[in-house]
Amino acid sequence: MITDTDTIDRALRLDGNAVAGELQMLLNLDVTVLQMTCSHCHKEGIFANLLAYVRGPGLVLRCPTCEGLILQLVKAPSGAILTVEGITADIKSTIIP
């Protein structure tokens, strides 16, 4: 059953390309071609296929298969807080000035 919340959620979704420019400026690399594995469902894929939610105080990226949280970016006057918890990597969280 599709609820009103599901319909609104789908309408607000973008793909990973929508946030690639912003992440490229912060990380100094082209993230659209990155291969990654979701640490929640272990599905492999590319960054561009992630689900992006950008209408809020920051941005959120989720796995397109299980919708597990992959990445959060919140900007603050003192810098940005980047949390990467949903992909298999050694990076968990960092503060970018």
Protein backbone atom coordinates (compact mmCIF):
# COMPACT_ATOMS: atom_id res chain seq x y z
CA MET A 1 0.00 0.00 0.00
CA ILE A 2 1.36 3.41 -0.98
CA THR A 3 0.71 6.13 1.58
CA ASP A 4 0.73 9.91 1.18
CA THR A 5 4.06 9.96 3.01
CA ASP A 6 5.56 7.56 0.45
CA THR A 7 4.34 9.74 -2.40
CA ILE A 8 5.83 12.90 -0.86
CA ASP A 9 9.07 11.04 -0.11
CA ARG A 10 9.41 9.94 -3.74
CA ALA A 11 8.69 13.45 -4.99
CA LEU A 12 11.56 14.88 -2.90
CA ARG A 13 14.16 12.30 -3.99
CA LEU A 14 17.01 13.13 -6.32
CA ASP A 15 19.94 10.98 -7.34
CA GLY A 16 23.55 11.23 -6.18
CA ASN A 17 24.45 13.49 -9.09
CA ALA A 18 22.38 16.27 -7.48
CA VAL A 19 24.89 16.63 -4.64
CA ALA A 20 28.06 15.67 -6.49
CA GLY A 21 29.20 19.25 -7.08
CA GLU A 22 28.90 20.20 -3.43
CA LEU A 23 30.77 17.09 -2.28
CA GLN A 24 33.41 17.59 -4.96
CA MET A 25 34.10 21.08 -3.61
CA LEU A 26 34.49 19.70 -0.07
CA LEU A 27 36.42 16.52 -0.86
CA ASN A 28 38.27 17.63 -4.00
CA LEU A 29 37.33 14.50 -5.96
CA ASP A 30 34.70 13.42 -8.47
CA VAL A 31 32.32 11.32 -6.40
CA THR A 32 29.96 10.40 -9.25
CA VAL A 33 32.17 7.54 -10.41
CA LEU A 34 32.94 6.10 -6.97
CA GLN A 35 32.14 2.41 -6.53
CA MET A 36 30.79 1.60 -3.09
CA THR A 37 29.15 -1.12 -1.05
CA CYS A 38 26.24 -0.41 1.30
CA SER A 39 27.15 -1.59 4.79
CA HIS A 40 23.47 -2.26 5.53
CA CYS A 41 22.45 -4.58 2.65
CA HIS A 42 25.89 -5.16 1.05
CA LYS A 43 24.65 -4.10 -2.39
CA GLU A 44 27.39 -2.70 -4.64
CA GLY A 45 26.78 0.34 -6.79
CA ILE A 46 27.95 3.75 -7.86
CA PHE A 47 27.53 7.05 -6.05
CA ALA A 48 25.30 8.50 -8.77
CA ASN A 49 22.61 5.88 -8.00
CA LEU A 50 22.22 6.88 -4.34
CA LEU A 51 18.98 8.53 -3.21
CA ALA A 52 19.60 12.18 -2.32
CA TYR A 53 17.43 14.28 -0.02
CA VAL A 54 18.44 17.94 -0.04
CA ARG A 55 15.45 19.84 1.35
CA GLY A 56 16.56 20.33 4.91
CA PRO A 57 19.37 21.80 6.97
CA GLY A 58 21.81 19.57 5.11
CA LEU A 59 21.79 16.68 2.71
CA VAL A 60 21.24 12.98 3.19
CA LEU A 61 22.21 10.11 0.88
CA ARG A 62 20.55 6.71 1.18
CA CYS A 63 21.03 3.32 -0.46
CA PRO A 64 18.60 2.82 -3.37
CA THR A 65 18.10 -0.83 -2.41
CA CYS A 66 17.47 -0.78 1.36
CA GLU A 67 17.26 3.00 1.98
CA GLY A 68 19.92 2.68 4.69
CA LEU A 69 21.74 5.88 5.62
CA ILE A 70 24.96 6.32 3.64
CA LEU A 71 26.05 9.92 4.16
CA GLN A 72 24.97 13.12 5.91
CA LEU A 73 26.37 16.59 5.33
CA VAL A 74 25.40 19.54 7.50
CA LYS A 75 26.86 22.99 6.95
CA ALA A 76 27.47 25.33 9.86
CA PRO A 77 29.06 28.78 10.07
CA SER A 78 32.25 27.20 11.44
CA GLY A 79 32.48 24.56 8.69
CA ALA A 80 30.69 21.40 7.67
CA ILE A 81 30.07 18.10 9.42
CA LEU A 82 30.31 15.09 7.13
CA THR A 83 29.23 11.70 8.43
CA VAL A 84 29.79 8.62 6.31
CA GLU A 85 28.42 5.56 8.05
CA GLY A 86 26.67 3.45 5.47
CA ILE A 87 29.44 2.39 3.12
CA THR A 88 32.26 0.00 3.75
CA ALA A 89 35.16 2.28 4.49
CA ASP A 90 37.41 3.31 7.36
CA ILE A 91 36.03 6.86 7.34
CA LYS A 92 33.23 7.45 9.86
CA SER A 93 33.00 11.19 10.49
CA THR A 94 35.07 14.30 10.03
CA ILE A 95 34.71 18.04 10.49
CA ILE A 96 35.71 20.09 7.47
CA PRO A 97 36.74 23.70 8.20
